[in-house]
Each structure stands twice: as C-alpha cells, then as structure tokens.
C-alpha cells in the first residue's frame, strides 16, 4: 500500500526572533503575555491544551482539555475523576501540557505534577456552568462504553425537566467530578522562525527560582 506523502505541505515562519534579554525571569509572566496575545489573535479557543498522561501500563494517552484558571500556583482543568485521564493521574501524577497557537506561531510545553483542587474550588466552577452542562457531567460515565445514546439523551432531558420543575438552577456536583491543578517544574517556549531556525527557551525550576536555557531549534 502506497503512503500518502505530505512533503509538499510546508509553511515558512516569519515571527520576530526571541532574544534572551527579553525573556522574563518568571515563566508564568511570559505565559500570561503569550496567552493574552493568542486569545486576541486566534479564531479558536486559546485555552485549549493537550494533556498527556501515563498510567501503570506505561502507555501514554493524550487529549485536548480546556484551561479554566491559571496563576503562579499552576494550571487548572476539570474532568471526571473516573475517566481514563483521571485513572492515569491517580496512578502517575506526572503530566505534560501543550498549548499550540498556529496564528501566533507559538507553542508552550509544560511538565509538572498534578493534584486535585479543593471541593470548594470545584463547586465554584461547577455551579458557574449552564444547568445542561452540570447534568451531563453528573450523569456521564466518561470514557466508558455508551450502549444507547438515545436513552442517555432522554435521561439528561428527564433530569433537566425535573430540576426545572423543582425551581432549581443547579444539580449536586458529583464527587467523581472536579478540578486538577498542574504544578509546573519546567516550561518550554517555542516560536517559529524562518528556515526552521526556531526559537526555544526552557525554564527549569531550581527551588528558589528558574534556570533559563536556550535550546537548539
């Protein structure tokens, strides 16, 4: 069987080169600036990030999730704790995040450890969501086989009508659904350059600060 060769798909990058003296000491500060620019430029969700996890079986798994909060403490996302990602995180808290912003010609790789946020913090976000999203999260056995989509949809609608009849605008957040925070120990900031002469800067946590290294393209 012949392969579909994609050798002709090539794009040259022309971003302004990054200089070491322009890199702040704090990677969170640089992330915030790049994220703000991406959110203003990109026509997609700038907070979409690839989350990579590995469980006991040492088989990596990756999926796109949405960043919902960030600070110098770390990066927060929400999910079903019983999902595949939740099970792998329980087995191995070492994870990687990747943001890719094609229009900005930039990507950010983050490696760190992950842990659950508090129940109060999970409640705050859960109850900010639309009622339909709350119900879907509460009823879904995420990552498990779904034998009957129509039956699941009917269950969601039934719960929605019942909740509205009770004059309620929320359902109880299930204990198996909540947030995680990724606490970084390294960042890599990548920006596309002409003739594949890309700029790459890596920040490595040193305990009291960050060591900054320029990497080969």
N, C-alpha and C. Protein backbone atom coordinates (compact mmCIF):
# COMPACT_ATOMS: atom_id res chain seq x y z
N UNK A 1 0.85 -1.20 0.00
CA UNK A 1 0.00 0.00 0.00
C UNK A 1 0.89 1.24 0.00
N UNK A 2 0.67 2.13 -0.95
CA UNK A 2 1.50 3.33 -1.04
C UNK A 2 1.11 4.34 0.03
N UNK A 3 2.09 5.08 0.47
CA UNK A 3 1.86 6.08 1.51
C UNK A 3 1.42 7.40 0.89
N UNK A 4 0.61 8.14 1.62
CA UNK A 4 0.24 9.50 1.21
C UNK A 4 1.33 10.44 1.71
N UNK A 5 2.21 10.83 0.83
CA UNK A 5 3.32 11.70 1.22
C UNK A 5 2.84 13.15 1.32
N UNK A 6 3.27 13.79 2.38
CA UNK A 6 2.87 15.18 2.64
C UNK A 6 4.06 16.11 2.60
N UNK A 7 5.08 15.72 1.83
CA UNK A 7 6.32 16.51 1.79
C UNK A 7 6.08 17.94 1.32
N UNK A 8 5.06 18.13 0.50
CA UNK A 8 4.81 19.45 -0.09
C UNK A 8 4.15 20.42 0.89
N UNK A 9 3.64 19.90 1.99
CA UNK A 9 2.98 20.78 2.97
C UNK A 9 4.05 21.45 3.81
N UNK A 10 4.30 22.68 3.52
CA UNK A 10 5.38 23.40 4.20
C UNK A 10 5.00 24.87 4.34
N UNK A 11 5.26 25.40 5.50
CA UNK A 11 4.99 26.82 5.76
C UNK A 11 6.22 27.45 6.38
N UNK A 12 6.62 28.59 5.85
CA UNK A 12 7.76 29.29 6.43
C UNK A 12 7.26 30.26 7.48
N UNK A 13 7.97 30.33 8.58
CA UNK A 13 7.59 31.21 9.68
C UNK A 13 8.40 32.49 9.63
N UNK A 14 7.78 33.58 10.06
CA UNK A 14 8.47 34.87 9.98
C UNK A 14 8.28 35.70 11.24
N UNK A 15 8.18 35.04 12.38
CA UNK A 15 8.00 35.77 13.64
C UNK A 15 9.28 36.52 14.00
N UNK A 16 9.13 37.59 14.75
CA UNK A 16 10.28 38.35 15.24
C UNK A 16 11.09 37.47 16.18
N UNK A 17 12.40 37.32 15.97
CA UNK A 17 13.21 36.43 16.82
C UNK A 17 13.12 36.80 18.31
N UNK A 18 13.19 35.78 19.15
CA UNK A 18 13.23 35.99 20.60
C UNK A 18 14.67 36.15 21.05
N UNK A 19 14.90 37.09 21.92
CA UNK A 19 16.23 37.34 22.47
C UNK A 19 16.24 36.97 23.95
N UNK A 20 17.38 36.46 24.42
CA UNK A 20 17.49 36.05 25.82
C UNK A 20 17.19 37.21 26.76
N UNK A 21 17.65 38.41 26.41
CA UNK A 21 17.44 39.54 27.31
C UNK A 21 15.98 39.97 27.40
N UNK A 22 15.16 39.49 26.47
CA UNK A 22 13.74 39.82 26.51
C UNK A 22 12.93 38.80 27.31
N UNK A 23 13.56 37.72 27.72
CA UNK A 23 12.84 36.67 28.45
C UNK A 23 12.78 37.03 29.93
N UNK A 24 11.58 37.13 30.51
CA UNK A 24 11.47 37.47 31.93
C UNK A 24 11.96 36.33 32.82
N UNK A 25 12.31 36.65 34.05
CA UNK A 25 12.76 35.62 34.98
C UNK A 25 11.64 34.66 35.36
N UNK A 26 10.41 35.13 35.28
CA UNK A 26 9.24 34.36 35.72
C UNK A 26 8.51 33.79 34.50
N UNK A 27 8.48 32.46 34.32
CA UNK A 27 7.81 31.88 33.15
C UNK A 27 6.30 32.10 33.17
N UNK A 28 5.72 32.23 34.36
CA UNK A 28 4.28 32.48 34.43
C UNK A 28 3.94 33.83 33.81
N UNK A 29 4.83 34.80 33.98
CA UNK A 29 4.63 36.12 33.40
C UNK A 29 4.66 36.03 31.87
N UNK A 30 5.60 35.26 31.33
CA UNK A 30 5.69 35.09 29.88
C UNK A 30 4.47 34.34 29.36
N UNK A 31 4.05 33.30 30.09
CA UNK A 31 2.85 32.56 29.68
C UNK A 31 1.65 33.50 29.60
N UNK A 32 1.49 34.33 30.62
CA UNK A 32 0.34 35.24 30.65
C UNK A 32 0.34 36.16 29.44
N UNK A 33 1.52 36.69 29.07
CA UNK A 33 1.61 37.57 27.92
C UNK A 33 1.31 36.85 26.62
N UNK A 34 1.88 35.67 26.44
CA UNK A 34 1.63 34.90 25.21
C UNK A 34 0.17 34.47 25.12
N UNK A 35 -0.40 34.07 26.26
CA UNK A 35 -1.80 33.64 26.26
C UNK A 35 -2.71 34.81 25.87
N UNK A 36 -2.44 35.97 26.42
CA UNK A 36 -3.26 37.15 26.10
C UNK A 36 -3.20 37.45 24.61
N UNK A 37 -2.01 37.40 24.03
CA UNK A 37 -1.87 37.65 22.60
C UNK A 37 -2.62 36.61 21.78
N UNK A 38 -2.51 35.34 22.18
CA UNK A 38 -3.19 34.27 21.44
C UNK A 38 -4.71 34.43 21.53
N UNK A 39 -5.20 34.79 22.70
CA UNK A 39 -6.65 34.95 22.89
C UNK A 39 -7.19 36.07 22.02
N UNK A 40 -6.36 37.07 21.75
CA UNK A 40 -6.78 38.20 20.92
C UNK A 40 -6.66 37.88 19.43
N UNK A 41 -5.71 37.00 19.05
CA UNK A 41 -5.44 36.71 17.64
C UNK A 41 -6.17 35.49 17.11
N UNK A 42 -6.19 34.43 17.89
CA UNK A 42 -6.63 33.13 17.38
C UNK A 42 -8.14 33.11 17.17
N UNK A 43 -8.58 32.35 16.16
CA UNK A 43 -10.00 32.19 15.92
C UNK A 43 -10.52 30.88 16.51
N UNK A 44 -9.73 30.29 17.39
CA UNK A 44 -10.15 29.09 18.11
C UNK A 44 -9.97 29.34 19.61
N UNK A 45 -10.30 28.36 20.43
CA UNK A 45 -10.15 28.53 21.87
C UNK A 45 -8.67 28.54 22.26
N UNK A 46 -8.19 29.69 22.68
CA UNK A 46 -6.78 29.80 23.06
C UNK A 46 -6.47 29.00 24.31
N UNK A 47 -7.49 28.70 25.11
CA UNK A 47 -7.27 27.94 26.35
C UNK A 47 -7.34 26.43 26.14
N UNK A 48 -7.45 25.99 24.89
CA UNK A 48 -7.40 24.55 24.60
C UNK A 48 -5.96 24.06 24.72
N UNK A 49 -5.76 22.98 25.45
CA UNK A 49 -4.40 22.46 25.66
C UNK A 49 -4.43 20.94 25.60
N UNK A 50 -3.36 20.38 25.10
CA UNK A 50 -3.23 18.92 25.08
C UNK A 50 -2.66 18.47 26.41
N UNK A 51 -3.35 17.54 27.04
CA UNK A 51 -2.91 16.95 28.31
C UNK A 51 -2.44 15.53 28.05
N UNK A 52 -1.19 15.23 28.38
CA UNK A 52 -0.64 13.89 28.21
C UNK A 52 -0.45 13.24 29.57
N UNK A 53 -0.91 11.99 29.68
CA UNK A 53 -0.81 11.23 30.93
C UNK A 53 -0.28 9.84 30.62
N UNK A 54 0.25 9.18 31.66
CA UNK A 54 0.76 7.81 31.53
C UNK A 54 0.40 7.06 32.81
N UNK A 55 -0.22 5.89 32.67
CA UNK A 55 -0.57 5.08 33.83
C UNK A 55 0.46 4.00 34.11
N UNK A 56 0.06 3.04 34.94
CA UNK A 56 0.96 1.94 35.30
C UNK A 56 1.44 1.15 34.09
N UNK A 57 0.59 1.08 33.05
CA UNK A 57 0.95 0.27 31.88
C UNK A 57 1.99 0.94 30.98
N UNK A 58 2.37 2.18 31.33
CA UNK A 58 3.40 2.93 30.60
C UNK A 58 2.99 3.25 29.17
N UNK A 59 1.70 3.22 28.88
CA UNK A 59 1.19 3.59 27.56
C UNK A 59 0.67 5.02 27.64
N UNK A 60 1.28 5.95 26.91
CA UNK A 60 0.85 7.35 27.00
C UNK A 60 -0.51 7.58 26.37
N UNK A 61 -1.20 8.57 26.87
CA UNK A 61 -2.51 8.94 26.34
C UNK A 61 -2.59 10.47 26.32
N UNK A 62 -3.16 11.02 25.27
CA UNK A 62 -3.25 12.48 25.14
C UNK A 62 -4.63 12.86 24.66
N UNK A 63 -5.09 14.03 25.13
CA UNK A 63 -6.38 14.56 24.71
C UNK A 63 -6.39 16.07 24.95
N UNK A 64 -7.29 16.76 24.28
CA UNK A 64 -7.40 18.20 24.47
C UNK A 64 -8.41 18.49 25.57
N UNK A 65 -8.01 19.31 26.53
CA UNK A 65 -8.89 19.78 27.59
C UNK A 65 -8.80 21.31 27.61
N UNK A 66 -9.67 21.94 28.40
CA UNK A 66 -9.69 23.40 28.45
C UNK A 66 -9.10 23.91 29.76
N UNK A 67 -8.17 24.83 29.64
CA UNK A 67 -7.63 25.52 30.80
C UNK A 67 -8.70 26.46 31.33
N UNK A 68 -9.00 26.38 32.62
CA UNK A 68 -10.05 27.20 33.21
C UNK A 68 -9.53 28.21 34.22
N UNK A 69 -8.29 28.07 34.62
CA UNK A 69 -7.73 29.02 35.59
C UNK A 69 -6.22 28.83 35.62
N UNK A 70 -5.47 29.93 35.78
CA UNK A 70 -4.04 29.78 35.98
C UNK A 70 -3.52 30.90 36.86
N UNK A 71 -2.47 30.59 37.59
CA UNK A 71 -1.81 31.53 38.48
C UNK A 71 -0.41 30.99 38.70
N UNK A 72 0.35 31.62 39.56
CA UNK A 72 1.69 31.11 39.86
C UNK A 72 1.64 29.78 40.61
N UNK A 73 0.46 29.38 41.05
CA UNK A 73 0.32 28.07 41.69
C UNK A 73 0.24 26.95 40.66
N UNK A 74 -0.28 27.26 39.47
CA UNK A 74 -0.38 26.23 38.45
C UNK A 74 -1.55 26.44 37.50
N UNK A 75 -1.88 25.37 36.76
CA UNK A 75 -2.86 25.42 35.68
C UNK A 75 -4.00 24.45 36.00
N UNK A 76 -5.24 24.96 35.98
CA UNK A 76 -6.39 24.20 36.44
C UNK A 76 -7.29 23.77 35.28
N UNK A 77 -7.68 22.50 35.28
CA UNK A 77 -8.69 22.00 34.35
C UNK A 77 -9.64 21.10 35.13
N UNK A 78 -10.78 20.78 34.52
CA UNK A 78 -11.82 20.00 35.19
C UNK A 78 -12.18 18.78 34.36
N UNK A 79 -12.55 17.70 35.07
CA UNK A 79 -12.89 16.47 34.37
C UNK A 79 -13.59 15.50 35.32
N UNK A 80 -13.96 14.36 34.78
CA UNK A 80 -14.50 13.26 35.56
C UNK A 80 -13.31 12.49 36.15
N UNK A 81 -13.25 12.37 37.47
CA UNK A 81 -12.12 11.69 38.11
C UNK A 81 -12.06 10.21 37.76
N UNK A 82 -13.19 9.63 37.29
CA UNK A 82 -13.21 8.22 36.93
C UNK A 82 -12.89 7.98 35.46
N UNK A 83 -12.60 9.04 34.72
CA UNK A 83 -12.27 8.91 33.30
C UNK A 83 -10.89 8.28 33.15
N UNK A 84 -10.51 7.99 31.91
CA UNK A 84 -9.19 7.40 31.68
C UNK A 84 -8.09 8.31 32.19
N UNK A 85 -8.22 9.61 31.91
CA UNK A 85 -7.18 10.53 32.38
C UNK A 85 -7.14 10.58 33.90
N UNK A 86 -8.32 10.52 34.53
CA UNK A 86 -8.37 10.54 35.99
C UNK A 86 -7.72 9.31 36.59
N UNK A 87 -7.95 8.14 35.98
CA UNK A 87 -7.35 6.91 36.47
C UNK A 87 -5.83 6.94 36.29
N UNK A 88 -5.37 7.44 35.14
CA UNK A 88 -3.93 7.51 34.91
C UNK A 88 -3.26 8.50 35.86
N UNK A 89 -3.92 9.61 36.13
CA UNK A 89 -3.37 10.59 37.07
C UNK A 89 -3.27 9.98 38.47
N UNK A 90 -4.25 9.17 38.84
CA UNK A 90 -4.22 8.51 40.14
C UNK A 90 -3.02 7.57 40.23
N UNK A 91 -2.67 6.94 39.12
CA UNK A 91 -1.54 6.01 39.08
C UNK A 91 -0.20 6.72 38.95
N UNK A 92 -0.20 7.86 38.27
CA UNK A 92 1.05 8.57 38.00
C UNK A 92 0.75 10.06 37.86
N UNK A 93 1.16 10.89 38.82
CA UNK A 93 0.81 12.31 38.79
C UNK A 93 1.67 13.17 37.88
N UNK A 94 2.61 12.56 37.16
CA UNK A 94 3.47 13.32 36.25
C UNK A 94 2.76 13.49 34.91
N UNK A 95 2.56 14.75 34.50
CA UNK A 95 1.81 15.02 33.28
C UNK A 95 2.53 16.08 32.45
N UNK A 96 2.06 16.25 31.23
CA UNK A 96 2.58 17.28 30.34
C UNK A 96 1.42 18.01 29.69
N UNK A 97 1.57 19.33 29.53
CA UNK A 97 0.59 20.16 28.84
C UNK A 97 1.24 20.75 27.59
N UNK A 98 0.44 20.95 26.56
CA UNK A 98 0.94 21.61 25.35
C UNK A 98 -0.11 22.58 24.83
N UNK A 99 0.29 23.83 24.69
CA UNK A 99 -0.52 24.85 24.03
C UNK A 99 0.09 25.10 22.65
N UNK A 100 -0.72 25.08 21.60
CA UNK A 100 -0.22 25.39 20.25
C UNK A 100 -1.13 26.44 19.64
N UNK A 101 -0.54 27.57 19.28
CA UNK A 101 -1.27 28.68 18.69
C UNK A 101 -0.70 28.93 17.29
N UNK A 102 -1.36 28.41 16.27
CA UNK A 102 -0.80 28.42 14.92
C UNK A 102 -0.68 29.82 14.34
N UNK A 103 -1.64 30.69 14.60
CA UNK A 103 -1.57 32.04 14.05
C UNK A 103 -0.43 32.82 14.69
N UNK A 104 -0.23 32.61 15.98
CA UNK A 104 0.85 33.30 16.69
C UNK A 104 2.21 32.68 16.43
N UNK A 105 2.22 31.49 15.79
CA UNK A 105 3.46 30.75 15.52
C UNK A 105 4.17 30.39 16.83
N UNK A 106 3.40 30.00 17.82
CA UNK A 106 3.98 29.72 19.14
C UNK A 106 3.39 28.46 19.74
N UNK A 107 4.19 27.82 20.58
CA UNK A 107 3.69 26.74 21.42
C UNK A 107 4.42 26.79 22.76
N UNK A 108 3.74 26.28 23.77
CA UNK A 108 4.31 26.21 25.12
C UNK A 108 4.12 24.80 25.64
N UNK A 109 5.21 24.18 26.05
CA UNK A 109 5.18 22.87 26.69
C UNK A 109 5.41 23.06 28.18
N UNK A 110 4.59 22.38 28.98
CA UNK A 110 4.69 22.48 30.44
C UNK A 110 4.72 21.06 31.00
N UNK A 111 5.69 20.79 31.86
CA UNK A 111 5.75 19.49 32.55
C UNK A 111 5.66 19.73 34.04
N UNK A 112 4.93 18.86 34.73
CA UNK A 112 4.78 19.04 36.16
C UNK A 112 4.01 17.89 36.79
N UNK A 113 3.62 18.09 38.02
CA UNK A 113 2.82 17.11 38.75
C UNK A 113 1.43 17.68 38.98
N UNK A 114 0.46 16.80 39.09
CA UNK A 114 -0.93 17.22 39.16
C UNK A 114 -1.57 16.68 40.44
N UNK A 115 -2.49 17.46 40.99
CA UNK A 115 -3.25 17.02 42.15
C UNK A 115 -4.65 17.64 42.09
N UNK A 116 -5.57 17.07 42.85
CA UNK A 116 -6.93 17.60 42.88
C UNK A 116 -6.97 18.94 43.62
N UNK A 117 -7.85 19.83 43.16
CA UNK A 117 -8.09 21.07 43.89
C UNK A 117 -9.14 20.78 44.96
N UNK A 118 -9.46 21.76 45.79
CA UNK A 118 -10.41 21.54 46.87
C UNK A 118 -11.83 21.38 46.34
N UNK A 119 -12.69 20.76 47.16
CA UNK A 119 -14.09 20.60 46.78
C UNK A 119 -14.76 21.95 46.59
N UNK A 120 -14.39 22.92 47.42
CA UNK A 120 -14.97 24.25 47.31
C UNK A 120 -14.60 24.90 45.97
N UNK A 121 -13.36 24.71 45.54
CA UNK A 121 -12.93 25.27 44.25
C UNK A 121 -13.65 24.59 43.08
N UNK A 122 -13.85 23.27 43.20
CA UNK A 122 -14.58 22.55 42.16
C UNK A 122 -16.04 22.99 42.12
N UNK A 123 -16.62 23.21 43.30
CA UNK A 123 -18.01 23.69 43.36
C UNK A 123 -18.16 25.04 42.65
N UNK A 124 -17.20 25.93 42.89
CA UNK A 124 -17.29 27.28 42.32
C UNK A 124 -17.41 27.22 40.80
N UNK A 125 -16.59 26.37 40.17
CA UNK A 125 -16.67 26.28 38.71
C UNK A 125 -17.91 25.50 38.27
N UNK A 126 -18.19 24.38 38.94
CA UNK A 126 -19.32 23.53 38.54
C UNK A 126 -20.61 24.33 38.50
N UNK A 127 -20.85 25.14 39.53
CA UNK A 127 -22.11 25.88 39.60
C UNK A 127 -22.11 27.14 38.75
N UNK A 128 -20.98 27.45 38.11
CA UNK A 128 -20.96 28.55 37.14
C UNK A 128 -21.36 28.05 35.75
N UNK A 129 -21.44 26.75 35.57
CA UNK A 129 -21.74 26.16 34.26
C UNK A 129 -23.25 26.18 34.00
N UNK A 130 -23.67 26.14 32.73
CA UNK A 130 -25.10 26.02 32.42
C UNK A 130 -25.67 24.74 33.03
N UNK A 131 -26.95 24.78 33.37
CA UNK A 131 -27.59 23.63 34.01
C UNK A 131 -27.43 22.36 33.17
N UNK A 132 -27.60 22.47 31.85
CA UNK A 132 -27.48 21.29 30.99
C UNK A 132 -26.09 20.67 31.09
N UNK A 133 -25.05 21.51 31.21
CA UNK A 133 -23.68 21.00 31.33
C UNK A 133 -23.48 20.33 32.68
N UNK A 134 -24.08 20.88 33.73
CA UNK A 134 -23.99 20.26 35.05
C UNK A 134 -24.60 18.86 35.02
N UNK A 135 -25.77 18.75 34.40
CA UNK A 135 -26.48 17.47 34.36
C UNK A 135 -25.69 16.44 33.55
N UNK A 136 -25.17 16.85 32.41
CA UNK A 136 -24.38 15.92 31.59
C UNK A 136 -23.17 15.42 32.36
N UNK A 137 -22.48 16.33 33.06
CA UNK A 137 -21.31 15.93 33.85
C UNK A 137 -21.70 14.98 34.97
N UNK A 138 -22.85 15.22 35.58
CA UNK A 138 -23.29 14.40 36.70
C UNK A 138 -23.71 12.99 36.25
N UNK A 139 -24.28 12.88 35.06
CA UNK A 139 -24.82 11.60 34.61
C UNK A 139 -23.85 10.78 33.75
N UNK A 140 -22.82 11.42 33.23
CA UNK A 140 -21.92 10.73 32.30
C UNK A 140 -20.92 9.83 33.01
N UNK A 141 -20.77 8.62 32.51
CA UNK A 141 -19.69 7.72 32.96
C UNK A 141 -18.56 7.87 31.95
N UNK A 142 -17.89 9.00 32.00
CA UNK A 142 -16.94 9.39 30.96
C UNK A 142 -15.91 8.30 30.67
N UNK A 143 -15.67 8.08 29.40
CA UNK A 143 -14.70 7.12 28.87
C UNK A 143 -15.20 5.67 28.89
N UNK A 144 -16.40 5.43 29.45
CA UNK A 144 -16.97 4.08 29.45
C UNK A 144 -17.81 3.89 28.19
N UNK A 145 -18.00 2.65 27.73
CA UNK A 145 -18.83 2.41 26.55
C UNK A 145 -20.27 2.91 26.77
N UNK A 146 -20.84 3.54 25.74
CA UNK A 146 -22.21 4.05 25.80
C UNK A 146 -23.09 3.17 24.90
N UNK A 147 -23.90 2.27 25.48
CA UNK A 147 -24.67 1.33 24.67
C UNK A 147 -25.84 1.96 23.92
N UNK A 148 -26.42 3.04 24.47
CA UNK A 148 -27.62 3.61 23.85
C UNK A 148 -27.60 5.13 24.01
N UNK A 149 -27.22 5.84 22.96
CA UNK A 149 -27.13 7.30 23.01
C UNK A 149 -28.49 7.94 23.25
N UNK A 150 -29.52 7.40 22.59
CA UNK A 150 -30.86 7.97 22.73
C UNK A 150 -31.35 7.86 24.17
N UNK A 151 -31.10 6.73 24.80
CA UNK A 151 -31.52 6.55 26.19
C UNK A 151 -30.80 7.53 27.11
N UNK A 152 -29.51 7.76 26.84
CA UNK A 152 -28.74 8.70 27.66
C UNK A 152 -29.27 10.12 27.48
N UNK A 153 -29.60 10.50 26.25
CA UNK A 153 -30.15 11.83 25.99
C UNK A 153 -31.49 12.00 26.70
N UNK A 154 -32.31 10.96 26.69
CA UNK A 154 -33.61 11.03 27.37
C UNK A 154 -33.42 11.19 28.88
N UNK A 155 -32.42 10.52 29.41
CA UNK A 155 -32.14 10.63 30.84
C UNK A 155 -31.72 12.05 31.20
N UNK A 156 -30.92 12.66 30.34
CA UNK A 156 -30.49 14.04 30.57
C UNK A 156 -31.69 14.98 30.52
N UNK A 157 -32.55 14.82 29.51
CA UNK A 157 -33.72 15.70 29.38
C UNK A 157 -34.68 15.51 30.54
N UNK A 158 -34.87 14.27 30.97
CA UNK A 158 -35.75 14.00 32.11
C UNK A 158 -35.24 14.67 33.37
N UNK A 159 -33.94 14.58 33.60
CA UNK A 159 -33.34 15.22 34.77
C UNK A 159 -33.45 16.74 34.67
N UNK A 160 -33.29 17.27 33.47
CA UNK A 160 -33.41 18.71 33.26
C UNK A 160 -34.81 19.19 33.59
N UNK A 161 -35.83 18.52 33.06
CA UNK A 161 -37.21 18.93 33.32
C UNK A 161 -37.55 18.82 34.80
N UNK A 162 -37.09 17.74 35.44
CA UNK A 162 -37.36 17.54 36.86
C UNK A 162 -36.71 18.64 37.69
N UNK A 163 -35.49 19.00 37.33
CA UNK A 163 -34.77 20.05 38.06
C UNK A 163 -35.48 21.39 37.91
N UNK A 164 -35.95 21.68 36.70
CA UNK A 164 -36.64 22.95 36.45
C UNK A 164 -38.00 22.98 37.15
N UNK A 165 -38.68 21.83 37.21
CA UNK A 165 -39.96 21.77 37.91
C UNK A 165 -39.80 22.04 39.40
N UNK A 166 -38.63 21.68 39.92
CA UNK A 166 -38.34 21.93 41.33
C UNK A 166 -37.82 23.35 41.57
N UNK A 167 -37.91 24.17 40.51
CA UNK A 167 -37.47 25.57 40.58
C UNK A 167 -36.01 25.69 41.00
N UNK A 168 -35.20 24.76 40.51
CA UNK A 168 -33.77 24.78 40.83
C UNK A 168 -32.98 25.09 39.57
N UNK A 169 -31.86 25.78 39.75
CA UNK A 169 -31.00 26.08 38.60
C UNK A 169 -29.67 25.35 38.69
N UNK A 170 -29.63 24.29 39.52
CA UNK A 170 -28.39 23.54 39.68
C UNK A 170 -28.69 22.13 40.15
N UNK A 171 -27.74 21.23 39.91
CA UNK A 171 -27.79 19.88 40.47
C UNK A 171 -26.56 19.70 41.34
N UNK A 172 -26.60 18.71 42.20
CA UNK A 172 -25.48 18.48 43.11
C UNK A 172 -24.26 18.02 42.32
N UNK A 173 -23.11 18.67 42.59
CA UNK A 173 -21.89 18.24 41.92
C UNK A 173 -21.51 16.85 42.43
N UNK A 174 -21.32 15.88 41.53
CA UNK A 174 -20.93 14.54 41.98
C UNK A 174 -19.49 14.54 42.48
N UNK A 175 -19.20 13.68 43.43
CA UNK A 175 -17.85 13.63 44.00
C UNK A 175 -16.82 13.18 42.98
N UNK A 176 -17.27 12.48 41.93
CA UNK A 176 -16.32 11.99 40.93
C UNK A 176 -16.00 13.03 39.86
N UNK A 177 -16.47 14.24 40.02
CA UNK A 177 -16.22 15.29 39.03
C UNK A 177 -15.61 16.50 39.72
N UNK A 178 -14.51 17.01 39.18
CA UNK A 178 -13.89 18.18 39.80
C UNK A 178 -12.64 18.61 39.06
N UNK A 179 -11.84 19.41 39.74
CA UNK A 179 -10.69 20.02 39.10
C UNK A 179 -9.36 19.43 39.53
N UNK A 180 -8.38 19.62 38.67
CA UNK A 180 -6.98 19.29 38.95
C UNK A 180 -6.15 20.55 38.73
N UNK A 181 -5.04 20.64 39.43
CA UNK A 181 -4.09 21.70 39.18
C UNK A 181 -2.74 21.09 38.83
N UNK A 182 -2.15 21.54 37.73
CA UNK A 182 -0.83 21.10 37.31
C UNK A 182 0.19 22.09 37.85
N UNK A 183 1.10 21.60 38.69
CA UNK A 183 2.15 22.44 39.28
C UNK A 183 3.43 22.22 38.48
N UNK A 184 3.84 23.21 37.68
CA UNK A 184 4.95 23.01 36.74
C UNK A 184 6.31 22.92 37.41
N UNK A 185 7.19 22.10 36.81
CA UNK A 185 8.61 22.14 37.17
C UNK A 185 9.45 22.52 35.95
N UNK A 186 8.81 22.60 34.76
CA UNK A 186 9.53 23.11 33.59
C UNK A 186 8.55 23.68 32.57
N UNK A 187 9.02 24.68 31.84
CA UNK A 187 8.30 25.28 30.72
C UNK A 187 9.24 25.28 29.52
N UNK A 188 8.69 25.10 28.32
CA UNK A 188 9.46 25.38 27.11
C UNK A 188 8.62 26.28 26.20
N UNK A 189 9.18 27.43 25.87
CA UNK A 189 8.53 28.38 24.98
C UNK A 189 9.16 28.27 23.60
N UNK A 190 8.33 27.99 22.60
CA UNK A 190 8.79 27.79 21.22
C UNK A 190 8.12 28.82 20.32
N UNK A 191 8.92 29.41 19.45
CA UNK A 191 8.36 30.33 18.45
C UNK A 191 8.98 30.03 17.10
N UNK A 192 8.14 29.92 16.07
CA UNK A 192 8.62 29.57 14.74
C UNK A 192 9.48 30.66 14.12
N UNK A 193 10.58 30.26 13.48
CA UNK A 193 11.47 31.19 12.81
C UNK A 193 11.69 30.81 11.37
N UNK A 194 12.23 31.70 10.57
CA UNK A 194 12.45 31.44 9.15
C UNK A 194 13.49 30.34 8.95
N UNK A 195 13.29 29.55 7.87
CA UNK A 195 14.20 28.45 7.52
C UNK A 195 14.38 27.45 8.66
N UNK A 196 13.31 27.27 9.43
CA UNK A 196 13.29 26.33 10.56
C UNK A 196 14.27 26.73 11.67
N UNK A 197 14.66 28.00 11.68
CA UNK A 197 15.54 28.49 12.74
C UNK A 197 14.65 28.98 13.88
N UNK A 198 14.05 28.02 14.57
CA UNK A 198 13.07 28.34 15.60
C UNK A 198 13.75 28.78 16.90
N UNK A 199 13.02 29.58 17.66
CA UNK A 199 13.50 29.99 18.99
C UNK A 199 12.88 29.08 20.04
N UNK A 200 13.73 28.57 20.94
CA UNK A 200 13.26 27.71 22.03
C UNK A 200 13.97 28.11 23.31
N UNK A 201 13.18 28.39 24.33
CA UNK A 201 13.73 28.70 25.65
C UNK A 201 13.07 27.80 26.68
N UNK A 202 13.89 27.18 27.51
CA UNK A 202 13.39 26.27 28.54
C UNK A 202 13.65 26.86 29.92
N UNK A 203 12.60 26.83 30.75
CA UNK A 203 12.69 27.25 32.15
C UNK A 203 12.62 26.00 33.02
N UNK A 204 13.59 25.84 33.92
CA UNK A 204 13.63 24.69 34.81
C UNK A 204 13.62 25.19 36.25
N UNK A 205 12.68 24.68 37.05
CA UNK A 205 12.58 25.11 38.45
C UNK A 205 13.82 24.70 39.22
N UNK A 206 14.36 25.63 40.00
CA UNK A 206 15.58 25.36 40.77
C UNK A 206 15.34 25.39 42.27
N UNK A 207 14.11 25.54 42.69
CA UNK A 207 13.81 25.61 44.12
C UNK A 207 13.47 27.03 44.52
N UNK A 208 14.41 27.94 44.27
CA UNK A 208 14.15 29.33 44.61
C UNK A 208 13.86 30.20 43.41
N UNK A 209 13.88 29.64 42.23
CA UNK A 209 13.66 30.42 41.02
C UNK A 209 13.64 29.53 39.81
N UNK A 210 14.09 30.07 38.67
CA UNK A 210 14.06 29.33 37.41
C UNK A 210 15.37 29.52 36.66
N UNK A 211 15.91 28.40 36.18
CA UNK A 211 17.08 28.44 35.30
C UNK A 211 16.57 28.52 33.86
N UNK A 212 17.13 29.43 33.07
CA UNK A 212 16.66 29.65 31.70
C UNK A 212 17.75 29.22 30.72
N UNK A 213 17.37 28.36 29.77
CA UNK A 213 18.31 27.86 28.77
C UNK A 213 17.73 28.07 27.37
N UNK A 214 18.59 28.51 26.44
CA UNK A 214 18.19 28.48 25.04
C UNK A 214 18.51 27.09 24.48
N UNK A 215 17.59 26.53 23.72
CA UNK A 215 17.77 25.21 23.14
C UNK A 215 18.01 25.31 21.64
N UNK A 216 18.70 24.31 21.11
CA UNK A 216 18.84 24.22 19.65
C UNK A 216 17.45 24.12 19.02
N UNK A 217 17.29 24.64 17.79
CA UNK A 217 15.99 24.52 17.11
C UNK A 217 15.61 23.05 16.90
